[in-house]
Amino acid sequence: MAAAGLAEISDVDIDSDGVFKYVLIRVHTAPPSDAKDAESKEIVRGYKWAEYHADIYDKVSGEIQRKGCGCECLGGGRISHQSQDKKIHVYGYSMGYGRAQHSITTEKIKAKYPDYEVTWADDGY
């Protein structure tokens, strides 16, 4: 899959309101063994239905693999999305995957929600 295929995968898909777990995933145009020729990008996925960070990664990685790409989880955390106040706060970590780089996550979210106040912190679970 070429870089155009990566463009078809949205950078951010999170629930529209509430507090929920999220994961930061790197998507490759080829499996990691071919990584030197692969193009990649990071995507953010966060959903209220997920009991564990792995639940999100398992669902999303299956979808990505069906598109012919590979992926790896870079870490996780939590998102507090207050749509009425136009605020998103990224924080915490995943017990299984470790702490995601919240600075990358917030940049991705700011691009999708330019009229929101988007903040992050390393503290909290």
C-alpha atoms as a PDB file:
ATOM      1  CA  MET A   1       0.000   0.000   0.000  1.00  0.00           C
ATOM      2  CA  ALA A   2       1.396   3.380  -0.958  1.00  0.00           C
ATOM      3  CA  ALA A   3       1.368   6.596   1.043  1.00  0.00           C
ATOM      4  CA  ALA A   4      -2.037   7.362  -0.483  1.00  0.00           C
ATOM      5  CA  GLY A   5      -3.345   4.393   1.504  1.00  0.00           C
ATOM      6  CA  LEU A   6      -2.054   5.939   4.721  1.00  0.00           C
ATOM      7  CA  ALA A   7      -3.939   9.118   3.898  1.00  0.00           C
ATOM      8  CA  GLU A   8      -7.199   7.128   3.883  1.00  0.00           C
ATOM      9  CA  ILE A   9      -6.702   6.212   7.554  1.00  0.00           C
ATOM     10  CA  SER A  10      -7.904   9.087   9.725  1.00  0.00           C
ATOM     11  CA  ASP A  11      -5.380  10.491  12.183  1.00  0.00           C
ATOM     12  CA  VAL A  12      -7.886  10.801  15.027  1.00  0.00           C
ATOM     13  CA  ASP A  13     -10.983   8.793  15.906  1.00  0.00           C
ATOM     14  CA  ILE A  14     -12.195   9.420  19.465  1.00  0.00           C
ATOM     15  CA  ASP A  15     -15.561   9.406  21.169  1.00  0.00           C
ATOM     16  CA  SER A  16     -17.401  12.720  21.108  1.00  0.00           C
ATOM     17  CA  ASP A  17     -17.736  13.152  24.884  1.00  0.00           C
ATOM     18  CA  GLY A  18     -16.650  11.713  28.232  1.00  0.00           C
ATOM     19  CA  VAL A  19     -13.539  10.171  29.761  1.00  0.00           C
ATOM     20  CA  PHE A  20     -12.071   7.120  28.057  1.00  0.00           C
ATOM     21  CA  LYS A  21      -8.924   5.153  27.298  1.00  0.00           C
ATOM     22  CA  TYR A  22      -6.894   5.833  24.153  1.00  0.00           C
ATOM     23  CA  VAL A  23      -3.912   4.375  22.309  1.00  0.00           C
ATOM     24  CA  LEU A  24      -1.325   5.957  20.022  1.00  0.00           C
ATOM     25  CA  ILE A  25      -0.571   3.661  17.081  1.00  0.00           C
ATOM     26  CA  ARG A  26       2.101   3.852  14.378  1.00  0.00           C
ATOM     27  CA  VAL A  27       0.763   2.599  11.041  1.00  0.00           C
ATOM     28  CA  HIS A  28       3.259   1.306   8.430  1.00  0.00           C
ATOM     29  CA  THR A  29       2.693   0.896   4.693  1.00  0.00           C
ATOM     30  CA  ALA A  30       4.395  -2.513   5.002  1.00  0.00           C
ATOM     31  CA  PRO A  31       4.981  -4.917   7.892  1.00  0.00           C
ATOM     32  CA  PRO A  32       7.752  -3.772  10.279  1.00  0.00           C
ATOM     33  CA  SER A  33      10.253  -6.243   8.754  1.00  0.00           C
ATOM     34  CA  ASP A  34      10.207  -4.042   5.606  1.00  0.00           C
ATOM     35  CA  ALA A  35      10.295  -0.878   7.698  1.00  0.00           C
ATOM     36  CA  LYS A  36      13.291   0.798   6.017  1.00  0.00           C
ATOM     37  CA  ASP A  37      11.188   1.268   2.868  1.00  0.00           C
ATOM     38  CA  ALA A  38       7.927   1.792   4.705  1.00  0.00           C
ATOM     39  CA  GLU A  39       6.170   5.084   5.219  1.00  0.00           C
ATOM     40  CA  SER A  40       4.377   5.546   8.510  1.00  0.00           C
ATOM     41  CA  LYS A  41       2.220   7.871  10.557  1.00  0.00           C
ATOM     42  CA  GLU A  42       0.770   7.955  14.042  1.00  0.00           C
ATOM     43  CA  ILE A  43      -2.952   7.701  14.706  1.00  0.00           C
ATOM     44  CA  VAL A  44      -5.022   8.236  17.853  1.00  0.00           C
ATOM     45  CA  ARG A  45      -7.929   5.999  18.809  1.00  0.00           C
ATOM     46  CA  GLY A  46     -10.026   6.387  21.970  1.00  0.00           C
ATOM     47  CA  TYR A  47     -13.378   4.890  22.940  1.00  0.00           C
ATOM     48  CA  LYS A  48     -15.627   4.640  26.002  1.00  0.00           C
ATOM     49  CA  TRP A  49     -16.567   1.027  25.244  1.00  0.00           C
ATOM     50  CA  ALA A  50     -13.006  -0.208  25.844  1.00  0.00           C
ATOM     51  CA  GLU A  51     -12.367  -1.805  29.218  1.00  0.00           C
ATOM     52  CA  TYR A  52      -8.652  -2.133  28.420  1.00  0.00           C
ATOM     53  CA  HIS A  53      -6.251  -0.299  26.101  1.00  0.00           C
ATOM     54  CA  ALA A  54      -5.613  -3.648  24.382  1.00  0.00           C
ATOM     55  CA  ASP A  55      -9.305  -3.822  23.405  1.00  0.00           C
ATOM     56  CA  ILE A  56      -8.845  -0.699  21.275  1.00  0.00           C
ATOM     57  CA  TYR A  57      -5.535  -1.824  19.798  1.00  0.00           C
ATOM     58  CA  ASP A  58      -6.855  -5.298  18.936  1.00  0.00           C
ATOM     59  CA  LYS A  59      -9.862  -3.849  17.084  1.00  0.00           C
ATOM     60  CA  VAL A  60      -7.902  -1.149  15.232  1.00  0.00           C
ATOM     61  CA  SER A  61      -4.911  -3.347  14.345  1.00  0.00           C
ATOM     62  CA  GLY A  62      -7.267  -5.855  12.705  1.00  0.00           C
ATOM     63  CA  GLU A  63      -8.823  -3.072  10.596  1.00  0.00           C
ATOM     64  CA  ILE A  64      -5.387  -1.766   9.612  1.00  0.00           C
ATOM     65  CA  GLN A  65      -4.095  -5.209   8.653  1.00  0.00           C
ATOM     66  CA  ARG A  66      -7.151  -5.749   6.442  1.00  0.00           C
ATOM     67  CA  LYS A  67      -6.086  -2.573   4.578  1.00  0.00           C
ATOM     68  CA  GLY A  68      -2.669  -4.154   3.945  1.00  0.00           C
ATOM     69  CA  CYS A  69      -0.720  -2.134   6.496  1.00  0.00           C
ATOM     70  CA  GLY A  70       1.180  -3.074   9.620  1.00  0.00           C
ATOM     71  CA  CYS A  71       1.061  -1.292  12.966  1.00  0.00           C
ATOM     72  CA  GLU A  72       2.438  -1.124  16.474  1.00  0.00           C
ATOM     73  CA  CYS A  73       1.085   0.373  19.674  1.00  0.00           C
ATOM     74  CA  LEU A  74       3.257   3.214  20.967  1.00  0.00           C
ATOM     75  CA  GLY A  75       1.465   3.550  24.302  1.00  0.00           C
ATOM     76  CA  GLY A  76      -1.773   4.704  25.807  1.00  0.00           C
ATOM     77  CA  GLY A  77      -3.485   6.970  28.279  1.00  0.00           C
ATOM     78  CA  ARG A  78      -6.828   8.620  28.848  1.00  0.00           C
ATOM     79  CA  ILE A  79      -8.741  11.414  27.198  1.00  0.00           C
ATOM     80  CA  SER A  80     -11.272  13.709  28.825  1.00  0.00           C
ATOM     81  CA  HIS A  81     -13.422  15.131  26.015  1.00  0.00           C
ATOM     82  CA  GLN A  82     -15.821  17.895  27.059  1.00  0.00           C
ATOM     83  CA  SER A  83     -17.498  18.761  23.771  1.00  0.00           C
ATOM     84  CA  GLN A  84     -19.856  21.328  25.301  1.00  0.00           C
ATOM     85  CA  ASP A  85     -16.884  23.324  26.656  1.00  0.00           C
ATOM     86  CA  LYS A  86     -14.699  22.518  23.607  1.00  0.00           C
ATOM     87  CA  LYS A  87     -11.954  21.096  25.820  1.00  0.00           C
ATOM     88  CA  ILE A  88      -9.879  17.932  25.495  1.00  0.00           C
ATOM     89  CA  HIS A  89      -7.332  16.846  28.100  1.00  0.00           C
ATOM     90  CA  VAL A  90      -4.906  13.972  27.458  1.00  0.00           C
ATOM     91  CA  TYR A  91      -3.244  12.279  30.455  1.00  0.00           C
ATOM     92  CA  GLY A  92      -2.271   9.062  32.191  1.00  0.00           C
ATOM     93  CA  TYR A  93      -0.828   5.835  30.854  1.00  0.00           C
ATOM     94  CA  SER A  94      -1.599   2.258  29.882  1.00  0.00           C
ATOM     95  CA  MET A  95      -0.609  -0.575  32.230  1.00  0.00           C
ATOM     96  CA  GLY A  96       0.005  -2.848  29.233  1.00  0.00           C
ATOM     97  CA  TYR A  97       1.557  -0.480  26.666  1.00  0.00           C
ATOM     98  CA  GLY A  98       3.084   2.244  28.832  1.00  0.00           C
ATOM     99  CA  ARG A  99       2.626   5.987  28.481  1.00  0.00           C
ATOM    100  CA  ALA A 100       2.001   7.345  24.987  1.00  0.00           C
ATOM    101  CA  GLN A 101       3.785  10.520  23.934  1.00  0.00           C
ATOM    102  CA  HIS A 102       0.914  12.828  24.815  1.00  0.00           C
ATOM    103  CA  SER A 103       2.579  15.695  22.923  1.00  0.00           C
ATOM    104  CA  ILE A 104       2.126  13.761  19.646  1.00  0.00           C
ATOM    105  CA  THR A 105      -1.446  12.857  20.597  1.00  0.00           C
ATOM    106  CA  THR A 106      -2.378  16.467  21.383  1.00  0.00           C
ATOM    107  CA  GLU A 107      -0.905  17.741  18.089  1.00  0.00           C
ATOM    108  CA  LYS A 108      -3.032  15.205  16.177  1.00  0.00           C
ATOM    109  CA  ILE A 109      -6.144  16.157  18.174  1.00  0.00           C
ATOM    110  CA  LYS A 110      -5.514  19.914  17.705  1.00  0.00           C
ATOM    111  CA  ALA A 111      -5.423  19.367  13.934  1.00  0.00           C
ATOM    112  CA  LYS A 112      -8.838  17.650  14.013  1.00  0.00           C
ATOM    113  CA  TYR A 113     -10.375  20.002  16.613  1.00  0.00           C
ATOM    114  CA  PRO A 114      -8.791  23.409  15.815  1.00  0.00           C
ATOM    115  CA  ASP A 115     -11.400  25.365  17.789  1.00  0.00           C
ATOM    116  CA  TYR A 116     -10.821  23.336  20.987  1.00  0.00           C
ATOM    117  CA  GLU A 117      -8.542  23.933  23.946  1.00  0.00           C
ATOM    118  CA  VAL A 118      -6.338  20.795  23.947  1.00  0.00           C
ATOM    119  CA  THR A 119      -4.038  20.140  26.910  1.00  0.00           C
ATOM    120  CA  TRP A 120      -1.997  17.244  28.247  1.00  0.00           C
ATOM    121  CA  ALA A 121      -0.181  16.106  31.396  1.00  0.00           C
ATOM    122  CA  ASP A 122       1.888  13.070  32.358  1.00  0.00           C
ATOM    123  CA  ASP A 123       0.230  12.669  35.736  1.00  0.00           C
ATOM    124  CA  GLY A 124      -2.842  10.633  36.553  1.00  0.00           C
ATOM    125  CA  TYR A 125      -4.011   7.205  35.510  1.00  0.00           C
END
